[in-house]
């Protein structure tokens, strides 16, 4: 079988270990692997991974040492062309021209949505792998890159604790998460932050102010609030202004936006193991005839879900974790 693989959308720590697992699993059963550079855009441009000698097929040495490297050696991008009927047909033509039997796209909701659309017009097999720091994909307990992103955010917030305490102030730390507040929620719990704002729950300014005044009266002199970028208050900058405009916020505040720093760095062991599981699982799924599916991990076991089922909605935060935060941050 000739398998092509690509990374699309935002990069996530663990994409390289996933690529390593795909190539090694495929080579072990004598499959051929082509790496497509720059995601779906690279597919349209027929941009393939090439060795120094000009050969295209990826082997064991192609992915050697990738377990502890962030980013993706295949590079990534977003492609407007691919979302058109003409782009999809062009992609089909390229896949046929290179006699590709199966495609393993690695990425988030947009990547998986593109994979589903492609599956409707191409006769080859497709198994998607969820890789996004947002952890907003249905059909899996965790996406590749999420654990590392939380680790990175917690490290940053831990450092801000020192400055907040030294200056008796509040930091509003904005983390990624447009549709799912998992990064914000787990960062808040792990770092001992007092407030979290997530897309799933409407932000109540009056309640936040009341909570801040309770904290102040209790004798606490510093506060950390974790704000998901997709929070309905409009993010950390807007939330800060609303608190100031109320006239009742008892703390001087500063905003820190972690931004793309959350996407980089060495993947933590949890992401490396997940990437290995899902990469190997994708190849195994192809060899038992699966198609139009996404490989995920539920309760530590590899599972398959229909692409159509996982792209319709975004995964939501665990309400039990929200309850836990209310207890430990009270």
C-alpha atoms as a PDB file:
ATOM      1  CA  UNK A   1       0.000   0.000   0.000  1.00  0.00           C
ATOM      2  CA  UNK A   2       1.216   3.505  -0.785  1.00  0.00           C
ATOM      3  CA  UNK A   3       0.348   5.879   2.056  1.00  0.00           C
ATOM      4  CA  UNK A   4       0.693   9.653   2.033  1.00  0.00           C
ATOM      5  CA  UNK A   5       0.633  11.722   5.203  1.00  0.00           C
ATOM      6  CA  UNK A   6       0.512  15.448   5.932  1.00  0.00           C
ATOM      7  CA  UNK A   7       0.160  17.953   8.765  1.00  0.00           C
ATOM      8  CA  UNK A   8      -2.392  20.723   8.385  1.00  0.00           C
ATOM      9  CA  UNK A   9      -3.595  23.735  10.367  1.00  0.00           C
ATOM     10  CA  UNK A  10      -1.923  24.872  13.575  1.00  0.00           C
ATOM     11  CA  UNK A  11       1.142  22.900  14.591  1.00  0.00           C
ATOM     12  CA  UNK A  12       1.008  20.857  17.781  1.00  0.00           C
ATOM     13  CA  UNK A  13       3.778  19.283  19.912  1.00  0.00           C
ATOM     14  CA  UNK A  14       3.688  15.598  19.048  1.00  0.00           C
ATOM     15  CA  UNK A  15       3.144  15.866  15.300  1.00  0.00           C
ATOM     16  CA  UNK A  16       6.713  14.697  14.694  1.00  0.00           C
ATOM     17  CA  UNK A  17       6.405  11.640  16.995  1.00  0.00           C
ATOM     18  CA  UNK A  18       3.138  10.817  15.220  1.00  0.00           C
ATOM     19  CA  UNK A  19       4.833  11.018  11.827  1.00  0.00           C
ATOM     20  CA  UNK A  20       7.588   8.767  13.181  1.00  0.00           C
ATOM     21  CA  UNK A  21       5.029   6.187  14.293  1.00  0.00           C
ATOM     22  CA  UNK A  22       3.197   6.264  10.954  1.00  0.00           C
ATOM     23  CA  UNK A  23       6.370   5.733   8.953  1.00  0.00           C
ATOM     24  CA  UNK A  24       7.743   3.005  11.208  1.00  0.00           C
ATOM     25  CA  UNK A  25       4.427   1.151  11.381  1.00  0.00           C
ATOM     26  CA  UNK A  26       4.039   1.328   7.605  1.00  0.00           C
ATOM     27  CA  UNK A  27       7.614   0.302   6.787  1.00  0.00           C
ATOM     28  CA  UNK A  28       7.348  -2.668   9.163  1.00  0.00           C
ATOM     29  CA  UNK A  29       4.635  -4.139   6.906  1.00  0.00           C
ATOM     30  CA  UNK A  30       6.343  -3.094   3.668  1.00  0.00           C
ATOM     31  CA  UNK A  31       4.137  -0.121   2.821  1.00  0.00           C
ATOM     32  CA  UNK A  32       5.479   2.911   0.985  1.00  0.00           C
ATOM     33  CA  UNK A  33       5.138   6.326   2.651  1.00  0.00           C
ATOM     34  CA  UNK A  34       5.128   9.735   1.010  1.00  0.00           C
ATOM     35  CA  UNK A  35       5.326  12.859   3.156  1.00  0.00           C
ATOM     36  CA  UNK A  36       3.390  15.849   1.832  1.00  0.00           C
ATOM     37  CA  UNK A  37       4.882  19.223   2.747  1.00  0.00           C
ATOM     38  CA  UNK A  38       2.758  22.192   3.918  1.00  0.00           C
ATOM     39  CA  UNK A  39      -0.520  20.332   4.366  1.00  0.00           C
ATOM     40  CA  UNK A  40      -3.334  20.391   1.835  1.00  0.00           C
ATOM     41  CA  UNK A  41      -1.725  23.391   0.132  1.00  0.00           C
ATOM     42  CA  UNK A  42       1.380  21.306  -0.493  1.00  0.00           C
ATOM     43  CA  UNK A  43      -0.767  18.472  -1.829  1.00  0.00           C
ATOM     44  CA  UNK A  44      -2.222  20.823  -4.438  1.00  0.00           C
ATOM     45  CA  UNK A  45       1.282  22.032  -5.331  1.00  0.00           C
ATOM     46  CA  UNK A  46       2.673  18.465  -5.468  1.00  0.00           C
ATOM     47  CA  UNK A  47       5.216  19.375  -2.797  1.00  0.00           C
ATOM     48  CA  UNK A  48       6.626  16.181  -1.308  1.00  0.00           C
ATOM     49  CA  UNK A  49       9.263  15.409   1.306  1.00  0.00           C
ATOM     50  CA  UNK A  50      12.528  14.672  -0.475  1.00  0.00           C
ATOM     51  CA  UNK A  51      15.749  13.104   0.760  1.00  0.00           C
ATOM     52  CA  UNK A  52      19.082  14.701  -0.071  1.00  0.00           C
ATOM     53  CA  UNK A  53      19.474  12.242  -2.945  1.00  0.00           C
ATOM     54  CA  UNK A  54      16.087  13.240  -4.368  1.00  0.00           C
ATOM     55  CA  UNK A  55      14.220  10.073  -3.387  1.00  0.00           C
ATOM     56  CA  UNK A  56      10.647  10.538  -2.140  1.00  0.00           C
ATOM     57  CA  UNK A  57       9.740   7.536   0.002  1.00  0.00           C
ATOM     58  CA  UNK A  58      10.208   7.991   3.732  1.00  0.00           C
ATOM     59  CA  UNK A  59      12.101   5.258   5.580  1.00  0.00           C
ATOM     60  CA  UNK A  60      13.229   4.520   9.101  1.00  0.00           C
ATOM     61  CA  UNK A  61      16.088   7.026   8.944  1.00  0.00           C
ATOM     62  CA  UNK A  62      13.733   9.734   7.641  1.00  0.00           C
ATOM     63  CA  UNK A  63      12.052   9.915  11.044  1.00  0.00           C
ATOM     64  CA  UNK A  64      14.950   9.001  13.300  1.00  0.00           C
ATOM     65  CA  UNK A  65      15.182  11.175  16.408  1.00  0.00           C
ATOM     66  CA  UNK A  66      11.778  12.838  15.999  1.00  0.00           C
ATOM     67  CA  UNK A  67      10.302  11.695  19.330  1.00  0.00           C
ATOM     68  CA  UNK A  68      11.508  14.737  21.261  1.00  0.00           C
ATOM     69  CA  UNK A  69      11.253  17.416  18.574  1.00  0.00           C
ATOM     70  CA  UNK A  70       8.370  19.905  18.485  1.00  0.00           C
ATOM     71  CA  UNK A  71       6.712  21.270  15.378  1.00  0.00           C
ATOM     72  CA  UNK A  72       6.583  19.167  12.227  1.00  0.00           C
ATOM     73  CA  UNK A  73       9.308  18.387   9.696  1.00  0.00           C
ATOM     74  CA  UNK A  74       6.566  18.253   7.053  1.00  0.00           C
ATOM     75  CA  UNK A  75       5.627  21.842   7.923  1.00  0.00           C
ATOM     76  CA  UNK A  76       2.002  22.932   7.994  1.00  0.00           C
ATOM     77  CA  UNK A  77      -0.335  25.518   6.518  1.00  0.00           C
ATOM     78  CA  UNK A  78      -3.962  26.377   5.886  1.00  0.00           C
ATOM     79  CA  UNK A  79      -5.371  26.163   2.378  1.00  0.00           C
ATOM     80  CA  UNK A  80      -8.300  28.174   1.045  1.00  0.00           C
ATOM     81  CA  UNK A  81      -7.903  26.545  -2.360  1.00  0.00           C
ATOM     82  CA  UNK A  82      -8.505  23.102  -0.908  1.00  0.00           C
ATOM     83  CA  UNK A  83     -11.935  24.153   0.416  1.00  0.00           C
ATOM     84  CA  UNK A  84     -13.276  24.757  -3.124  1.00  0.00           C
ATOM     85  CA  UNK A  85     -14.705  22.148  -5.495  1.00  0.00           C
ATOM     86  CA  UNK A  86     -11.890  22.883  -7.913  1.00  0.00           C
ATOM     87  CA  UNK A  87      -9.297  22.429  -5.164  1.00  0.00           C
ATOM     88  CA  UNK A  88     -10.748  19.104  -4.059  1.00  0.00           C
ATOM     89  CA  UNK A  89     -10.728  17.813  -7.627  1.00  0.00           C
ATOM     90  CA  UNK A  90      -7.144  18.985  -8.070  1.00  0.00           C
ATOM     91  CA  UNK A  91      -6.196  17.105  -4.889  1.00  0.00           C
ATOM     92  CA  UNK A  92      -7.852  13.958  -6.243  1.00  0.00           C
ATOM     93  CA  UNK A  93      -5.920  14.315  -9.484  1.00  0.00           C
ATOM     94  CA  UNK A  94      -2.614  14.591  -7.619  1.00  0.00           C
ATOM     95  CA  UNK A  95      -3.366  11.590  -5.406  1.00  0.00           C
ATOM     96  CA  UNK A  96      -4.226   9.510  -8.473  1.00  0.00           C
ATOM     97  CA  UNK A  97      -1.187  10.697 -10.408  1.00  0.00           C
ATOM     98  CA  UNK A  98       1.142   9.495  -7.663  1.00  0.00           C
ATOM     99  CA  UNK A  99      -0.799   6.228  -7.257  1.00  0.00           C
ATOM    100  CA  UNK A 100      -1.543   6.939  -3.585  1.00  0.00           C
ATOM    101  CA  UNK A 101      -3.835   4.374  -1.994  1.00  0.00           C
ATOM    102  CA  UNK A 102      -4.417   6.031   1.392  1.00  0.00           C
ATOM    103  CA  UNK A 103      -3.989   9.348   3.173  1.00  0.00           C
ATOM    104  CA  UNK A 104      -3.339  10.027   6.863  1.00  0.00           C
ATOM    105  CA  UNK A 105      -3.926  13.734   7.621  1.00  0.00           C
ATOM    106  CA  UNK A 106      -2.710  14.949  11.026  1.00  0.00           C
ATOM    107  CA  UNK A 107      -4.419  18.013  12.496  1.00  0.00           C
ATOM    108  CA  UNK A 108      -7.452  19.535  14.165  1.00  0.00           C
ATOM    109  CA  UNK A 109     -11.080  20.088  13.267  1.00  0.00           C
ATOM    110  CA  UNK A 110     -10.345  21.956  10.035  1.00  0.00           C
ATOM    111  CA  UNK A 111      -7.951  19.252   8.892  1.00  0.00           C
ATOM    112  CA  UNK A 112     -10.453  16.511   9.670  1.00  0.00           C
ATOM    113  CA  UNK A 113     -13.251  18.445   7.952  1.00  0.00           C
ATOM    114  CA  UNK A 114     -11.066  18.673   4.854  1.00  0.00           C
ATOM    115  CA  UNK A 115     -10.395  14.941   5.092  1.00  0.00           C
ATOM    116  CA  UNK A 116     -14.119  14.226   5.182  1.00  0.00           C
ATOM    117  CA  UNK A 117     -14.784  16.397   2.123  1.00  0.00           C
ATOM    118  CA  UNK A 118     -11.957  14.673   0.266  1.00  0.00           C
ATOM    119  CA  UNK A 119     -13.351  11.258   1.197  1.00  0.00           C
ATOM    120  CA  UNK A 120     -16.552  12.132  -0.649  1.00  0.00           C
ATOM    121  CA  UNK A 121     -14.789  12.581  -3.994  1.00  0.00           C
ATOM    122  CA  UNK A 122     -11.728  10.287  -3.808  1.00  0.00           C
ATOM    123  CA  UNK A 123     -11.756   6.488  -3.948  1.00  0.00           C
ATOM    124  CA  UNK A 124      -8.716   6.083  -1.690  1.00  0.00           C
ATOM    125  CA  UNK A 125      -8.852   5.421   2.035  1.00  0.00           C
ATOM    126  CA  UNK A 126      -8.508   8.148   4.663  1.00  0.00           C
ATOM    127  CA  UNK A 127      -7.789   7.823   8.388  1.00  0.00           C
ATOM    128  CA  UNK A 128      -7.389  11.112  10.264  1.00  0.00           C
ATOM    129  CA  UNK A 129      -5.285  11.711  13.377  1.00  0.00           C
ATOM    130  CA  UNK A 130      -6.389  14.446  15.848  1.00  0.00           C
ATOM    131  CA  UNK A 131      -3.525  16.813  16.641  1.00  0.00           C
ATOM    132  CA  UNK A 132      -4.362  20.220  18.103  1.00  0.00           C
ATOM    133  CA  UNK A 133      -3.456  21.883  21.383  1.00  0.00           C
ATOM    134  CA  UNK A 134      -7.074  23.016  21.859  1.00  0.00           C
ATOM    135  CA  UNK A 135      -8.321  19.482  22.642  1.00  0.00           C
ATOM    136  CA  UNK A 136     -11.618  20.363  20.985  1.00  0.00           C
ATOM    137  CA  UNK A 137     -12.074  17.276  18.766  1.00  0.00           C
ATOM    138  CA  UNK A 138     -14.807  14.747  19.503  1.00  0.00           C
ATOM    139  CA  UNK A 139     -14.039  11.026  19.461  1.00  0.00           C
ATOM    140  CA  UNK A 140     -10.953  11.114  21.670  1.00  0.00           C
ATOM    141  CA  UNK A 141     -10.159  11.869  25.302  1.00  0.00           C
ATOM    142  CA  UNK A 142      -7.181  13.955  24.258  1.00  0.00           C
ATOM    143  CA  UNK A 143      -5.643  15.339  21.090  1.00  0.00           C
ATOM    144  CA  UNK A 144      -1.933  15.264  20.300  1.00  0.00           C
ATOM    145  CA  UNK A 145      -0.293  18.421  21.657  1.00  0.00           C
ATOM    146  CA  UNK A 146      -2.807  19.240  24.377  1.00  0.00           C
ATOM    147  CA  UNK A 147      -0.776  17.890  27.307  1.00  0.00           C
ATOM    148  CA  UNK A 148       2.324  19.805  26.231  1.00  0.00           C
ATOM    149  CA  UNK A 149       0.361  23.034  25.777  1.00  0.00           C
ATOM    150  CA  UNK A 150      -1.014  22.761  29.312  1.00  0.00           C
ATOM    151  CA  UNK A 151       2.487  22.051  30.630  1.00  0.00           C
ATOM    152  CA  UNK A 152       3.812  25.155  28.864  1.00  0.00           C
ATOM    153  CA  UNK A 153       0.963  27.330  30.169  1.00  0.00           C
ATOM    154  CA  UNK A 154       1.359  26.093  33.747  1.00  0.00           C
ATOM    155  CA  UNK A 155       5.090  26.813  33.676  1.00  0.00           C
ATOM    156  CA  UNK A 156       4.372  30.391  32.597  1.00  0.00           C
ATOM    157  CA  UNK A 157       1.648  30.906  35.196  1.00  0.00           C
ATOM    158  CA  UNK A 158       3.890  29.514  37.947  1.00  0.00           C
ATOM    159  CA  UNK A 159       6.400  32.241  37.127  1.00  0.00           C
ATOM    160  CA  UNK A 160       3.693  34.901  37.155  1.00  0.00           C
ATOM    161  CA  UNK A 161       2.740  33.819  40.669  1.00  0.00           C
ATOM    162  CA  UNK A 162       6.024  35.310  41.884  1.00  0.00           C
ATOM    163  CA  UNK A 163       5.478  38.706  40.282  1.00  0.00           C
ATOM    164  CA  UNK A 164       1.814  38.843  41.256  1.00  0.00           C
ATOM    165  CA  UNK A 165       2.766  38.211  44.867  1.00  0.00           C
ATOM    166  CA  UNK A 166       5.589  40.731  44.819  1.00  0.00           C
ATOM    167  CA  UNK A 167       3.388  43.539  43.500  1.00  0.00           C
ATOM    168  CA  UNK A 168       0.010  42.674  45.056  1.00  0.00           C
ATOM    169  CA  UNK A 169      -1.695  42.494  41.691  1.00  0.00           C
ATOM    170  CA  UNK A 170      -3.878  40.340  39.461  1.00  0.00           C
ATOM    171  CA  UNK A 171      -2.682  38.788  36.218  1.00  0.00           C
ATOM    172  CA  UNK A 172      -5.194  37.883  33.523  1.00  0.00           C
ATOM    173  CA  UNK A 173      -3.443  35.185  31.488  1.00  0.00           C
ATOM    174  CA  UNK A 174      -4.931  34.440  28.084  1.00  0.00           C
ATOM    175  CA  UNK A 175      -4.409  30.935  26.717  1.00  0.00           C
ATOM    176  CA  UNK A 176      -5.508  29.363  23.461  1.00  0.00           C
ATOM    177  CA  UNK A 177      -8.897  27.715  23.059  1.00  0.00           C
ATOM    178  CA  UNK A 178     -11.437  29.213  20.672  1.00  0.00           C
ATOM    179  CA  UNK A 179     -14.163  26.622  21.136  1.00  0.00           C
ATOM    180  CA  UNK A 180     -13.032  24.492  24.072  1.00  0.00           C
ATOM    181  CA  UNK A 181     -11.751  25.746  27.422  1.00  0.00           C
ATOM    182  CA  UNK A 182      -9.707  22.669  28.324  1.00  0.00           C
ATOM    183  CA  UNK A 183      -6.321  24.425  28.284  1.00  0.00           C
ATOM    184  CA  UNK A 184      -7.658  27.229  30.474  1.00  0.00           C
ATOM    185  CA  UNK A 185      -9.426  24.902  32.903  1.00  0.00           C
ATOM    186  CA  UNK A 186      -6.570  22.443  33.425  1.00  0.00           C
ATOM    187  CA  UNK A 187      -4.035  25.264  33.623  1.00  0.00           C
ATOM    188  CA  UNK A 188      -6.132  26.966  36.299  1.00  0.00           C
ATOM    189  CA  UNK A 189      -6.443  23.799  38.363  1.00  0.00           C
ATOM    190  CA  UNK A 190      -2.779  22.830  38.032  1.00  0.00           C
ATOM    191  CA  UNK A 191      -1.450  26.317  38.790  1.00  0.00           C
ATOM    192  CA  UNK A 192      -3.765  27.095  41.693  1.00  0.00           C
ATOM    193  CA  UNK A 193      -5.401  30.019  39.907  1.00  0.00           C
ATOM    194  CA  UNK A 194      -8.515  31.567  41.423  1.00  0.00           C
ATOM    195  CA  UNK A 195     -10.556  32.360  38.293  1.00  0.00           C
ATOM    196  CA  UNK A 196     -11.100  30.732  34.923  1.00  0.00           C
ATOM    197  CA  UNK A 197     -13.123  31.955  31.930  1.00  0.00           C
ATOM    198  CA  UNK A 198     -13.994  29.418  29.226  1.00  0.00           C
ATOM    199  CA  UNK A 199     -16.115  29.491  26.038  1.00  0.00           C
ATOM    200  CA  UNK A 200     -18.604  26.950  27.387  1.00  0.00           C
ATOM    201  CA  UNK A 201     -19.843  29.149  30.247  1.00  0.00           C
ATOM    202  CA  UNK A 202     -21.054  32.772  29.946  1.00  0.00           C
ATOM    203  CA  UNK A 203     -18.747  35.134  31.824  1.00  0.00           C
ATOM    204  CA  UNK A 204     -20.534  36.964  34.631  1.00  0.00           C
ATOM    205  CA  UNK A 205     -18.599  40.138  35.437  1.00  0.00           C
ATOM    206  CA  UNK A 206     -20.599  40.813  38.597  1.00  0.00           C
ATOM    207  CA  UNK A 207     -19.803  37.342  39.966  1.00  0.00           C
ATOM    208  CA  UNK A 208     -16.115  37.734  39.159  1.00  0.00           C
ATOM    209  CA  UNK A 209     -15.999  41.093  40.940  1.00  0.00           C
ATOM    210  CA  UNK A 210     -17.830  39.669  43.958  1.00  0.00           C
ATOM    211  CA  UNK A 211     -15.366  36.764  44.069  1.00  0.00           C
ATOM    212  CA  UNK A 212     -12.398  39.121  43.800  1.00  0.00           C
ATOM    213  CA  UNK A 213     -13.689  41.205  46.705  1.00  0.00           C
ATOM    214  CA  UNK A 214     -14.151  38.071  48.795  1.00  0.00           C
ATOM    215  CA  UNK A 215     -10.559  37.124  48.012  1.00  0.00           C
ATOM    216  CA  UNK A 216      -9.373  40.583  49.005  1.00  0.00           C
ATOM    217  CA  UNK A 217     -11.294  40.483  52.290  1.00  0.00           C
ATOM    218  CA  UNK A 218      -9.790  37.088  53.091  1.00  0.00           C
ATOM    219  CA  UNK A 219      -6.360  38.727  53.139  1.00  0.00           C
ATOM    220  CA  UNK A 220      -5.058  37.422  49.812  1.00  0.00           C
ATOM    221  CA  UNK A 221      -3.035  40.086  48.025  1.00  0.00           C
ATOM    222  CA  UNK A 222      -2.610  38.594  44.544  1.00  0.00           C
ATOM    223  CA  UNK A 223      -4.802  36.786  42.028  1.00  0.00           C
ATOM    224  CA  UNK A 224      -4.356  34.815  38.825  1.00  0.00           C
ATOM    225  CA  UNK A 225      -7.171  34.509  36.294  1.00  0.00           C
ATOM    226  CA  UNK A 226      -6.893  32.163  33.306  1.00  0.00           C
ATOM    227  CA  UNK A 227      -8.894  33.270  30.269  1.00  0.00           C
ATOM    228  CA  UNK A 228      -9.480  31.176  27.143  1.00  0.00           C
ATOM    229  CA  UNK A 229      -9.182  33.205  23.941  1.00  0.00           C
ATOM    230  CA  UNK A 230     -12.690  32.098  22.938  1.00  0.00           C
ATOM    231  CA  UNK A 231     -14.331  33.283  26.153  1.00  0.00           C
ATOM    232  CA  UNK A 232     -17.514  35.246  25.470  1.00  0.00           C
ATOM    233  CA  UNK A 233     -16.143  38.258  27.358  1.00  0.00           C
ATOM    234  CA  UNK A 234     -13.835  38.776  24.396  1.00  0.00           C
ATOM    235  CA  UNK A 235     -10.504  37.582  25.776  1.00  0.00           C
ATOM    236  CA  UNK A 236      -8.249  38.833  28.542  1.00  0.00           C
ATOM    237  CA  UNK A 237      -7.824  42.417  27.280  1.00  0.00           C
ATOM    238  CA  UNK A 238     -11.567  43.021  27.034  1.00  0.00           C
ATOM    239  CA  UNK A 239     -12.190  41.304  30.369  1.00  0.00           C
ATOM    240  CA  UNK A 240      -9.618  43.525  32.064  1.00  0.00           C
ATOM    241  CA  UNK A 241     -11.266  46.666  30.665  1.00  0.00           C
ATOM    242  CA  UNK A 242     -14.698  45.529  31.814  1.00  0.00           C
ATOM    243  CA  UNK A 243     -13.367  44.935  35.325  1.00  0.00           C
ATOM    244  CA  UNK A 244     -11.772  48.388  35.366  1.00  0.00           C
ATOM    245  CA  UNK A 245     -14.899  50.049  33.988  1.00  0.00           C
ATOM    246  CA  UNK A 246     -17.011  48.504  36.755  1.00  0.00           C
ATOM    247  CA  UNK A 247     -15.158  50.604  39.324  1.00  0.00           C
ATOM    248  CA  UNK A 248     -15.322  47.758  41.845  1.00  0.00           C
ATOM    249  CA  UNK A 249     -12.316  45.592  40.976  1.00  0.00           C
ATOM    250  CA  UNK A 250     -10.137  45.546  44.125  1.00  0.00           C
ATOM    251  CA  UNK A 251      -6.909  44.574  42.345  1.00  0.00           C
ATOM    252  CA  UNK A 252      -4.568  46.375  40.001  1.00  0.00           C
ATOM    253  CA  UNK A 253      -4.275  44.116  36.947  1.00  0.00           C
ATOM    254  CA  UNK A 254      -2.026  43.216  34.033  1.00  0.00           C
ATOM    255  CA  UNK A 255      -2.698  41.079  30.943  1.00  0.00           C
ATOM    256  CA  UNK A 256      -0.346  38.381  29.649  1.00  0.00           C
ATOM    257  CA  UNK A 257      -1.203  36.670  26.363  1.00  0.00           C
ATOM    258  CA  UNK A 258       0.734  33.430  25.970  1.00  0.00           C
ATOM    259  CA  UNK A 259      -0.230  33.060  22.309  1.00  0.00           C
ATOM    260  CA  UNK A 260       1.732  30.807  19.999  1.00  0.00           C
ATOM    261  CA  UNK A 261       4.314  29.905  22.638  1.00  0.00           C
ATOM    262  CA  UNK A 262       1.837  27.183  23.652  1.00  0.00           C
ATOM    263  CA  UNK A 263       2.260  25.423  20.319  1.00  0.00           C
ATOM    264  CA  UNK A 264       6.013  24.999  20.541  1.00  0.00           C
ATOM    265  CA  UNK A 265       8.468  23.095  22.649  1.00  0.00           C
ATOM    266  CA  UNK A 266       9.507  19.526  23.312  1.00  0.00           C
ATOM    267  CA  UNK A 267       6.421  17.261  23.523  1.00  0.00           C
ATOM    268  CA  UNK A 268       5.869  15.857  27.012  1.00  0.00           C
ATOM    269  CA  UNK A 269       5.880  12.046  27.421  1.00  0.00           C
ATOM    270  CA  UNK A 270       2.076  11.912  27.483  1.00  0.00           C
ATOM    271  CA  UNK A 271       1.909  13.438  24.011  1.00  0.00           C
ATOM    272  CA  UNK A 272       4.694  11.231  22.690  1.00  0.00           C
ATOM    273  CA  UNK A 273       2.883   8.073  23.821  1.00  0.00           C
ATOM    274  CA  UNK A 274      -0.449   9.299  22.424  1.00  0.00           C
ATOM    275  CA  UNK A 275       1.202  10.201  19.116  1.00  0.00           C
ATOM    276  CA  UNK A 276       2.756   6.730  18.864  1.00  0.00           C
ATOM    277  CA  UNK A 277      -0.582   5.072  19.646  1.00  0.00           C
ATOM    278  CA  UNK A 278      -2.567   7.081  17.128  1.00  0.00           C
ATOM    279  CA  UNK A 279       0.057   6.992  14.383  1.00  0.00           C
ATOM    280  CA  UNK A 280       0.350   3.206  14.552  1.00  0.00           C
ATOM    281  CA  UNK A 281      -3.409   2.921  14.984  1.00  0.00           C
ATOM    282  CA  UNK A 282      -4.022   4.840  11.762  1.00  0.00           C
ATOM    283  CA  UNK A 283      -1.826   2.479   9.732  1.00  0.00           C
ATOM    284  CA  UNK A 284      -3.412  -0.583  11.327  1.00  0.00           C
ATOM    285  CA  UNK A 285      -6.891   0.779  10.584  1.00  0.00           C
ATOM    286  CA  UNK A 286      -6.038   1.161   6.906  1.00  0.00           C
ATOM    287  CA  UNK A 287      -4.889  -2.455   6.734  1.00  0.00           C
ATOM    288  CA  UNK A 288      -8.163  -3.818   8.064  1.00  0.00           C
ATOM    289  CA  UNK A 289     -10.090  -1.889   5.438  1.00  0.00           C
ATOM    290  CA  UNK A 290     -11.251   1.125   7.459  1.00  0.00           C
ATOM    291  CA  UNK A 291     -11.988   4.368   5.625  1.00  0.00           C
ATOM    292  CA  UNK A 292     -13.424   7.795   6.415  1.00  0.00           C
ATOM    293  CA  UNK A 293     -12.529   7.430  10.084  1.00  0.00           C
ATOM    294  CA  UNK A 294     -10.508   9.226  12.769  1.00  0.00           C
ATOM    295  CA  UNK A 295      -8.349   7.294  15.191  1.00  0.00           C
ATOM    296  CA  UNK A 296      -8.645   8.416  18.808  1.00  0.00           C
ATOM    297  CA  UNK A 297      -7.965   7.287  22.351  1.00  0.00           C
ATOM    298  CA  UNK A 298     -10.790   6.578  24.800  1.00  0.00           C
ATOM    299  CA  UNK A 299      -9.858   5.378  28.301  1.00  0.00           C
ATOM    300  CA  UNK A 300      -6.384   4.512  27.037  1.00  0.00           C
ATOM    301  CA  UNK A 301      -7.624   2.346  24.167  1.00  0.00           C
ATOM    302  CA  UNK A 302      -7.346   3.121  20.466  1.00  0.00           C
ATOM    303  CA  UNK A 303     -10.765   3.757  18.925  1.00  0.00           C
ATOM    304  CA  UNK A 304     -12.199   4.732  15.539  1.00  0.00           C
ATOM    305  CA  UNK A 305     -14.929   7.295  14.882  1.00  0.00           C
ATOM    306  CA  UNK A 306     -16.561   8.394  11.656  1.00  0.00           C
ATOM    307  CA  UNK A 307     -15.077  11.644  10.325  1.00  0.00           C
ATOM    308  CA  UNK A 308     -18.610  12.882   9.748  1.00  0.00           C
ATOM    309  CA  UNK A 309     -19.423  12.367  13.434  1.00  0.00           C
ATOM    310  CA  UNK A 310     -16.369  14.162  14.842  1.00  0.00           C
ATOM    311  CA  UNK A 311     -16.426  17.321  12.700  1.00  0.00           C
ATOM    312  CA  UNK A 312     -19.975  18.474  13.421  1.00  0.00           C
ATOM    313  CA  UNK A 313     -19.343  19.914  16.876  1.00  0.00           C
ATOM    314  CA  UNK A 314     -16.495  20.781  19.215  1.00  0.00           C
ATOM    315  CA  UNK A 315     -15.607  18.887  22.374  1.00  0.00           C
ATOM    316  CA  UNK A 316     -16.635  20.665  25.591  1.00  0.00           C
ATOM    317  CA  UNK A 317     -14.894  20.882  28.960  1.00  0.00           C
ATOM    318  CA  UNK A 318     -15.595  18.268  31.608  1.00  0.00           C
ATOM    319  CA  UNK A 319     -18.191  19.666  34.070  1.00  0.00           C
ATOM    320  CA  UNK A 320     -16.599  17.613  36.863  1.00  0.00           C
ATOM    321  CA  UNK A 321     -13.381  19.588  36.411  1.00  0.00           C
ATOM    322  CA  UNK A 322     -15.320  22.844  36.617  1.00  0.00           C
ATOM    323  CA  UNK A 323     -16.795  21.639  39.891  1.00  0.00           C
ATOM    324  CA  UNK A 324     -13.311  20.715  41.102  1.00  0.00           C
ATOM    325  CA  UNK A 325     -12.009  24.181  40.301  1.00  0.00           C
ATOM    326  CA  UNK A 326     -14.826  25.838  42.245  1.00  0.00           C
ATOM    327  CA  UNK A 327     -13.796  23.826  45.287  1.00  0.00           C
ATOM    328  CA  UNK A 328     -10.025  24.267  45.131  1.00  0.00           C
ATOM    329  CA  UNK A 329     -10.215  27.965  44.142  1.00  0.00           C
ATOM    330  CA  UNK A 330     -12.750  28.938  46.798  1.00  0.00           C
END
